Protein backbone atom coordinates (compact mmCIF):
# COMPACT_ATOMS: atom_id res chain seq x y z
CA UNK A 1 10.79 -29.92 55.54
CA UNK A 2 8.05 -27.57 56.80
CA UNK A 3 10.02 -24.57 55.54
CA UNK A 4 10.34 -26.23 52.11
CA UNK A 5 6.55 -26.76 51.95
CA UNK A 6 5.81 -23.16 52.94
CA UNK A 7 8.23 -21.82 50.29
CA UNK A 8 6.62 -24.09 47.71
CA UNK A 9 3.15 -22.88 48.71
CA UNK A 10 4.28 -19.24 48.52
CA UNK A 11 5.83 -19.79 45.07
CA UNK A 12 2.66 -21.51 43.86
CA UNK A 13 0.51 -18.66 45.20
CA UNK A 14 2.72 -16.08 43.50
CA UNK A 15 2.57 -18.02 40.21
CA UNK A 16 -1.23 -18.14 40.39
CA UNK A 17 -1.38 -14.41 41.09
CA UNK A 18 0.88 -13.65 38.12
CA UNK A 19 -1.17 -15.97 35.87
CA UNK A 20 -4.45 -14.34 36.94
CA UNK A 21 -3.03 -10.85 36.36
CA UNK A 22 -1.75 -11.82 32.91
CA UNK A 23 -5.11 -13.36 32.01
CA UNK A 24 -6.97 -10.21 33.10
CA UNK A 25 -4.63 -7.85 31.23
CA UNK A 26 -4.70 -10.11 28.18
CA UNK A 27 -8.50 -10.04 28.11
CA UNK A 28 -8.52 -6.26 28.42
CA UNK A 29 -6.00 -6.00 25.56
CA UNK A 30 -8.11 -8.29 23.39
CA UNK A 31 -11.22 -6.19 24.07
CA UNK A 32 -9.52 -2.94 23.00
CA UNK A 33 -10.51 -3.23 19.31
CA UNK A 34 -14.19 -3.60 20.17
CA UNK A 35 -14.12 -0.57 22.48
CA UNK A 36 -12.10 1.50 19.99
CA UNK A 37 -14.35 0.93 16.97
CA UNK A 38 -16.83 3.54 15.74
CA UNK A 39 -19.60 2.32 13.41
CA UNK A 40 -21.61 4.32 10.89
CA UNK A 41 -25.13 5.26 12.01
CA UNK A 42 -27.52 2.54 10.90
CA UNK A 43 -24.77 -0.09 10.60
CA UNK A 44 -25.38 -3.64 11.79
CA UNK A 45 -23.39 -6.84 11.33
CA UNK A 46 -26.53 -8.58 10.03
CA UNK A 47 -26.99 -5.95 7.32
CA UNK A 48 -23.27 -6.07 6.45
CA UNK A 49 -23.51 -9.84 5.95
CA UNK A 50 -26.46 -9.22 3.60
CA UNK A 51 -24.34 -7.13 1.20
CA UNK A 52 -23.51 -9.25 -1.86
CA UNK A 53 -21.14 -8.86 -4.79
CA UNK A 54 -23.17 -7.25 -7.58
CA UNK A 55 -25.40 -5.18 -5.26
CA UNK A 56 -25.76 -1.56 -6.32
CA UNK A 57 -24.12 1.20 -4.30
CA UNK A 58 -27.59 2.70 -3.89
CA UNK A 59 -28.92 -0.49 -2.30
CA UNK A 60 -25.97 -0.63 0.09
CA UNK A 61 -26.18 3.05 1.11
CA UNK A 62 -29.94 3.49 1.15
CA UNK A 63 -31.42 0.09 2.00
CA UNK A 64 -28.81 -1.89 3.93
CA UNK A 65 -26.11 0.06 5.75
CA UNK A 66 -26.78 3.77 5.42
CA UNK A 67 -24.11 6.33 4.71
CA UNK A 68 -20.53 5.23 5.44
CA UNK A 69 -18.22 7.00 7.87
CA UNK A 70 -15.68 7.56 5.11
CA UNK A 71 -15.37 7.19 1.34
CA UNK A 72 -11.97 6.68 -0.25
CA UNK A 73 -11.09 6.13 -3.91
CA UNK A 74 -8.27 4.47 -5.82
CA UNK A 75 -6.29 6.59 -8.25
CA UNK A 76 -5.77 3.81 -10.78
CA UNK A 77 -7.19 0.37 -11.41
CA UNK A 78 -9.13 -1.25 -8.61
CA UNK A 79 -6.81 -3.55 -6.61
CA UNK A 80 -9.74 -5.90 -6.03
CA UNK A 81 -9.61 -6.81 -9.74
CA UNK A 82 -13.14 -5.86 -10.71
CA UNK A 83 -14.53 -6.67 -14.14
CA UNK A 84 -13.88 -3.29 -15.78
CA UNK A 85 -10.35 -2.74 -14.47
CA UNK A 86 -11.24 0.87 -13.68
CA UNK A 87 -11.02 2.79 -10.42
CA UNK A 88 -13.05 1.87 -7.37
CA UNK A 89 -14.18 3.44 -4.13
CA UNK A 90 -14.19 2.06 -0.62
CA UNK A 91 -17.10 2.69 1.72
CA UNK A 92 -15.87 2.42 5.31
CA UNK A 93 -18.53 1.46 7.87
CA UNK A 94 -16.28 0.86 10.89
CA UNK A 95 -13.21 2.93 11.74
CA UNK A 96 -11.08 3.64 14.83
CA UNK A 97 -11.93 6.24 17.43
CA UNK A 98 -8.24 6.33 18.34
CA UNK A 99 -5.95 5.40 15.42
CA UNK A 100 -3.13 4.50 17.81
CA UNK A 101 -5.03 1.44 19.08
CA UNK A 102 -6.44 -1.68 17.50
CA UNK A 103 -9.90 -1.58 15.95
CA UNK A 104 -12.36 -3.58 13.88
CA UNK A 105 -12.85 -2.43 10.28
CA UNK A 106 -15.68 -3.01 7.80
CA UNK A 107 -15.43 -1.96 4.14
CA UNK A 108 -17.47 -2.30 0.96
CA UNK A 109 -15.60 -1.88 -2.33
CA UNK A 110 -17.59 -0.35 -5.19
CA UNK A 111 -16.64 -0.33 -8.87
CA UNK A 112 -18.83 1.03 -11.67
CA UNK A 113 -21.66 1.50 -9.15
CA UNK A 114 -21.70 -2.09 -7.86
CA UNK A 115 -20.15 -4.07 -5.01
CA UNK A 116 -17.05 -6.01 -6.05
CA UNK A 117 -15.97 -6.99 -2.53
CA UNK A 118 -16.75 -6.69 1.15
CA UNK A 119 -14.06 -6.81 3.77
CA UNK A 120 -13.85 -7.10 7.50
CA UNK A 121 -10.96 -7.43 9.83
CA UNK A 122 -9.06 -6.55 12.93
CA UNK A 123 -6.32 -3.96 12.74
CA UNK A 124 -3.52 -3.89 15.27
CA UNK A 125 -1.04 -1.05 14.99
C-alpha cells in the first residue's frame, strides 16, 4: 500500500511538472508576436484607434501616425470595396522583425486620398 501511494505521488509530481512546463512554453509562444513586431516611429495604439474612415491620408501620415514602415498598392480595384472602385494603397504601421515568426500587424487602407478601412491582426505563419 505504501509503495502504491509513493508511485501515485511521483506520478502526480511528474504531471504537475509537465503541466507547469507546458504552461511556461505556451506563454512564451503566445508572447512571440509582441516581441517580433516592429512599429513605425511615432505609432501608438491610441492614435491608430483615432483613425476613421474618411480621414485624409495627410491627416493619418502627418497628424496621427507618422510615416508608415511600408506602402503597398493594389494593381486593380481596391479589394476593400471603396466608393470609386479604383486602386488603393495600404499603409503598414506594424510589421514583423522576423517574417518566419508570428507578429502583430496594423494597416490603413487608402483610396482616392482617404481612409476606406483600418485593419489589425495577429499573423501566425
